[in-house]
N, C-alpha and C. Protein backbone atom coordinates (compact mmCIF):
# COMPACT_ATOMS: atom_id res chain seq x y z
N MET A 1 -2.44 2.36 11.72
CA MET A 1 -1.06 2.06 12.05
C MET A 1 -1.03 1.48 13.45
N LEU A 2 -0.02 0.72 13.69
CA LEU A 2 0.18 0.02 14.96
C LEU A 2 1.50 0.44 15.56
N ARG A 3 1.46 0.71 16.87
CA ARG A 3 2.73 1.00 17.55
C ARG A 3 3.27 -0.33 18.07
N ALA A 4 4.55 -0.57 17.86
CA ALA A 4 5.17 -1.81 18.30
C ALA A 4 6.21 -1.50 19.36
N ASP A 5 6.18 -2.23 20.44
CA ASP A 5 7.13 -2.03 21.53
C ASP A 5 8.30 -3.00 21.44
N GLN A 6 9.42 -2.58 21.99
CA GLN A 6 10.60 -3.41 22.04
C GLN A 6 10.41 -4.50 23.09
N PRO A 7 10.81 -5.74 22.83
CA PRO A 7 10.71 -6.80 23.84
C PRO A 7 11.50 -6.45 25.10
N GLU A 8 12.71 -5.85 24.96
CA GLU A 8 13.54 -5.54 26.11
C GLU A 8 13.23 -4.18 26.72
N ALA A 9 12.79 -3.21 25.90
CA ALA A 9 12.65 -1.84 26.35
C ALA A 9 11.20 -1.40 26.53
N GLY A 10 10.24 -2.20 26.05
CA GLY A 10 8.85 -1.76 26.12
C GLY A 10 8.68 -0.48 25.34
N SER A 11 8.05 0.52 25.96
CA SER A 11 7.85 1.80 25.25
C SER A 11 8.90 2.84 25.65
N ASP A 12 9.98 2.43 26.34
CA ASP A 12 11.03 3.35 26.77
C ASP A 12 11.99 3.64 25.62
N ALA A 13 11.91 4.83 25.06
CA ALA A 13 12.75 5.18 23.90
C ALA A 13 14.23 5.16 24.25
N GLY A 14 14.59 5.40 25.50
CA GLY A 14 16.00 5.39 25.89
C GLY A 14 16.60 4.02 25.93
N GLY A 15 15.80 2.98 25.97
CA GLY A 15 16.31 1.62 26.05
C GLY A 15 16.26 0.85 24.74
N ILE A 16 16.10 1.56 23.64
CA ILE A 16 15.94 0.91 22.33
C ILE A 16 17.28 0.31 21.87
N PRO A 17 17.37 -1.02 21.68
CA PRO A 17 18.61 -1.62 21.22
C PRO A 17 18.77 -1.58 19.69
N ASP A 18 17.67 -1.38 18.97
CA ASP A 18 17.71 -1.38 17.51
C ASP A 18 18.10 0.01 16.99
N PHE A 19 18.39 0.10 15.68
CA PHE A 19 18.79 1.36 15.09
C PHE A 19 18.52 1.37 13.61
N GLY A 20 18.57 2.56 13.03
CA GLY A 20 18.42 2.75 11.59
C GLY A 20 19.63 3.42 11.01
N ILE A 21 19.99 3.06 9.78
CA ILE A 21 21.11 3.66 9.05
C ILE A 21 20.56 4.26 7.78
N VAL A 22 20.87 5.55 7.55
CA VAL A 22 20.48 6.19 6.27
C VAL A 22 21.28 5.55 5.16
N CYS A 23 20.62 5.25 4.06
CA CYS A 23 21.32 4.57 2.95
C CYS A 23 20.71 5.02 1.61
N LEU A 24 21.44 4.70 0.53
CA LEU A 24 20.93 4.82 -0.82
C LEU A 24 20.67 3.43 -1.33
N GLY A 25 19.54 3.25 -1.98
CA GLY A 25 19.22 1.93 -2.49
C GLY A 25 18.24 2.00 -3.65
N GLU A 26 17.77 0.84 -4.05
CA GLU A 26 16.79 0.76 -5.13
C GLU A 26 15.42 0.51 -4.50
N TRP A 27 14.43 1.23 -5.00
CA TRP A 27 13.06 1.06 -4.48
C TRP A 27 12.11 1.17 -5.65
N GLU A 28 11.35 0.10 -5.89
CA GLU A 28 10.35 0.04 -6.95
C GLU A 28 10.96 0.42 -8.30
N GLY A 29 12.16 -0.09 -8.56
CA GLY A 29 12.82 0.12 -9.86
C GLY A 29 13.63 1.40 -9.98
N LYS A 30 13.55 2.26 -8.97
CA LYS A 30 14.32 3.51 -9.02
C LYS A 30 15.61 3.35 -8.23
N ARG A 31 16.70 3.86 -8.77
CA ARG A 31 18.01 3.78 -8.15
C ARG A 31 18.31 5.02 -7.31
N ASP A 32 19.23 4.85 -6.37
CA ASP A 32 19.71 5.96 -5.52
C ASP A 32 18.60 6.67 -4.76
N VAL A 33 17.66 5.88 -4.25
CA VAL A 33 16.59 6.40 -3.42
C VAL A 33 17.09 6.43 -1.97
N VAL A 34 16.92 7.55 -1.29
CA VAL A 34 17.30 7.66 0.11
C VAL A 34 16.31 6.88 0.96
N GLY A 35 16.86 6.04 1.83
CA GLY A 35 16.01 5.23 2.71
C GLY A 35 16.70 4.96 4.02
N ILE A 36 16.08 4.09 4.79
CA ILE A 36 16.63 3.69 6.09
C ILE A 36 16.63 2.17 6.19
N ARG A 37 17.78 1.60 6.53
CA ARG A 37 17.85 0.18 6.82
C ARG A 37 17.73 0.06 8.35
N VAL A 38 16.77 -0.75 8.80
CA VAL A 38 16.46 -0.81 10.22
C VAL A 38 16.73 -2.21 10.76
N THR A 39 17.41 -2.28 11.89
CA THR A 39 17.53 -3.53 12.64
C THR A 39 16.46 -3.48 13.69
N TRP A 40 15.69 -4.55 13.84
CA TRP A 40 14.61 -4.47 14.79
C TRP A 40 14.02 -5.84 15.13
N GLU A 41 13.46 -5.86 16.32
CA GLU A 41 12.64 -6.99 16.75
C GLU A 41 11.53 -6.37 17.58
N LYS A 42 10.32 -6.57 17.16
CA LYS A 42 9.18 -5.92 17.79
C LYS A 42 8.17 -6.93 18.30
N ARG A 43 7.39 -6.45 19.25
CA ARG A 43 6.29 -7.22 19.79
C ARG A 43 5.00 -6.45 19.43
N TYR A 44 4.09 -7.13 18.78
CA TYR A 44 2.83 -6.50 18.42
C TYR A 44 2.02 -6.18 19.67
N ILE A 45 1.17 -5.19 19.55
CA ILE A 45 0.18 -4.93 20.57
C ILE A 45 -1.19 -5.26 20.00
N THR A 46 -2.23 -4.96 20.72
CA THR A 46 -3.60 -5.33 20.33
C THR A 46 -3.89 -5.05 18.85
N LEU A 47 -4.48 -6.02 18.20
CA LEU A 47 -4.92 -5.96 16.80
C LEU A 47 -3.78 -5.89 15.80
N GLY A 48 -2.59 -6.26 16.19
CA GLY A 48 -1.44 -6.22 15.31
C GLY A 48 -1.62 -6.92 13.98
N PRO A 49 -2.17 -8.13 13.93
CA PRO A 49 -2.32 -8.84 12.67
C PRO A 49 -3.26 -8.15 11.69
N ASN A 50 -4.05 -7.18 12.17
CA ASN A 50 -5.01 -6.49 11.31
C ASN A 50 -4.48 -5.17 10.74
N ARG A 51 -3.24 -4.87 10.92
CA ARG A 51 -2.66 -3.59 10.50
C ARG A 51 -1.82 -3.72 9.24
N ASP A 52 -1.74 -2.59 8.52
CA ASP A 52 -0.93 -2.52 7.30
C ASP A 52 0.48 -1.98 7.58
N LEU A 53 0.66 -1.22 8.69
CA LEU A 53 1.93 -0.63 9.03
C LEU A 53 2.26 -0.88 10.49
N VAL A 54 3.55 -1.00 10.74
CA VAL A 54 4.06 -1.07 12.11
C VAL A 54 4.94 0.19 12.27
N GLY A 55 4.69 0.95 13.34
CA GLY A 55 5.52 2.13 13.65
C GLY A 55 6.54 1.76 14.69
N SER A 56 7.79 2.08 14.44
CA SER A 56 8.87 1.76 15.32
C SER A 56 9.81 2.93 15.53
N ARG A 57 10.03 3.30 16.80
CA ARG A 57 10.99 4.37 17.10
C ARG A 57 12.39 3.77 17.12
N VAL A 58 13.30 4.36 16.37
CA VAL A 58 14.67 3.87 16.35
C VAL A 58 15.64 5.05 16.29
N PRO A 59 16.80 4.94 16.97
CA PRO A 59 17.85 5.91 16.78
C PRO A 59 18.33 5.81 15.33
N LEU A 60 18.56 6.98 14.70
CA LEU A 60 18.96 7.02 13.31
C LEU A 60 20.38 7.57 13.16
N TYR A 61 21.19 6.88 12.37
CA TYR A 61 22.57 7.27 12.13
C TYR A 61 22.80 7.45 10.62
N ASP A 62 23.70 8.38 10.28
CA ASP A 62 24.04 8.66 8.90
C ASP A 62 25.58 8.69 8.76
N PRO A 63 26.21 7.49 8.84
CA PRO A 63 27.68 7.45 8.81
C PRO A 63 28.27 7.88 7.45
N ASP A 64 27.52 7.77 6.38
CA ASP A 64 28.01 8.19 5.05
C ASP A 64 27.64 9.65 4.72
N HIS A 65 27.01 10.33 5.66
CA HIS A 65 26.64 11.75 5.51
C HIS A 65 25.78 12.01 4.27
N ILE A 66 24.80 11.17 4.06
CA ILE A 66 23.88 11.33 2.92
C ILE A 66 22.97 12.52 3.17
N LEU A 67 22.56 12.74 4.41
CA LEU A 67 21.66 13.84 4.75
C LEU A 67 22.36 15.13 5.15
N GLY A 68 23.63 15.03 5.52
CA GLY A 68 24.36 16.19 5.98
C GLY A 68 25.61 15.75 6.74
N GLN A 69 26.12 16.60 7.61
CA GLN A 69 27.38 16.33 8.30
C GLN A 69 27.24 15.54 9.60
N GLN A 70 26.04 15.42 10.15
CA GLN A 70 25.86 14.71 11.41
C GLN A 70 25.86 13.20 11.22
N ASP A 71 26.52 12.50 12.16
CA ASP A 71 26.45 11.04 12.19
C ASP A 71 25.19 10.58 12.93
N ASP A 72 24.93 11.20 14.07
CA ASP A 72 23.81 10.83 14.93
C ASP A 72 22.65 11.78 14.64
N ILE A 73 21.62 11.28 13.97
CA ILE A 73 20.50 12.11 13.56
C ILE A 73 19.49 12.29 14.70
N GLY A 74 19.36 11.27 15.55
CA GLY A 74 18.39 11.30 16.63
C GLY A 74 17.41 10.16 16.48
N ILE A 75 16.33 10.22 17.24
CA ILE A 75 15.31 9.16 17.17
C ILE A 75 14.29 9.51 16.09
N THR A 76 13.95 8.53 15.26
CA THR A 76 12.97 8.73 14.19
C THR A 76 11.92 7.65 14.26
N LEU A 77 10.88 7.81 13.49
CA LEU A 77 9.80 6.83 13.41
C LEU A 77 9.93 6.12 12.05
N ALA A 78 10.13 4.82 12.10
CA ALA A 78 10.14 4.02 10.88
C ALA A 78 8.76 3.40 10.72
N LEU A 79 8.17 3.54 9.57
CA LEU A 79 6.89 2.90 9.26
C LEU A 79 7.16 1.72 8.35
N ILE A 80 6.91 0.53 8.87
CA ILE A 80 7.23 -0.70 8.15
C ILE A 80 5.95 -1.39 7.70
N PRO A 81 5.78 -1.58 6.40
CA PRO A 81 4.60 -2.29 5.89
C PRO A 81 4.60 -3.73 6.43
N THR A 82 3.51 -4.18 6.98
CA THR A 82 3.44 -5.54 7.54
C THR A 82 3.48 -6.63 6.45
N LYS A 83 3.35 -6.24 5.21
CA LYS A 83 3.42 -7.21 4.11
C LYS A 83 4.87 -7.56 3.73
N ARG A 84 5.85 -6.89 4.34
CA ARG A 84 7.26 -7.15 4.06
C ARG A 84 7.65 -8.54 4.55
N ARG A 85 8.69 -9.12 3.92
CA ARG A 85 9.16 -10.47 4.31
C ARG A 85 9.52 -10.53 5.79
N ALA A 86 10.03 -9.43 6.34
CA ALA A 86 10.53 -9.44 7.71
C ALA A 86 9.40 -9.52 8.74
N CYS A 87 8.17 -9.27 8.34
CA CYS A 87 7.05 -9.28 9.30
C CYS A 87 6.33 -10.61 9.23
N ARG A 88 6.20 -11.18 10.38
CA ARG A 88 5.41 -12.41 10.51
C ARG A 88 4.37 -12.17 11.58
N SER A 89 3.13 -12.48 11.29
CA SER A 89 2.10 -12.33 12.30
C SER A 89 1.61 -13.72 12.72
N GLY A 90 0.95 -13.74 13.82
CA GLY A 90 0.40 -15.00 14.31
C GLY A 90 1.00 -15.32 15.66
N ALA A 91 2.31 -15.23 15.81
CA ALA A 91 2.96 -15.50 17.07
C ALA A 91 3.19 -14.20 17.85
N ALA A 92 2.54 -13.15 17.42
CA ALA A 92 2.63 -11.84 18.08
C ALA A 92 4.03 -11.27 18.04
N THR A 93 4.81 -11.58 17.00
CA THR A 93 6.15 -10.98 16.87
C THR A 93 6.35 -10.51 15.44
N CYS A 94 7.21 -9.55 15.30
CA CYS A 94 7.63 -9.05 13.97
C CYS A 94 9.12 -8.87 14.04
N ARG A 95 9.91 -9.59 13.28
CA ARG A 95 11.37 -9.54 13.34
C ARG A 95 11.94 -9.14 12.00
């Protein structure tokens, strides 16, 4: 796995501009799977193009209360497969 830093915040978790929202969606043909939709822009670190996963710390929110009564869940780790459409390697960025 690869840790990815924020372009604006580096490794400072307090300066993270991106976030995750708990949601229900479809995954691999199954409906109503609990997941996280993440907004993000990351900068790869050493050996990024050779990894299968990117780890990203993001504040997590649950406005629809899928997990419980809290809106603000806290900071979580999102593991994003680098084979997803949103990941591009080569220019050292993943958006």
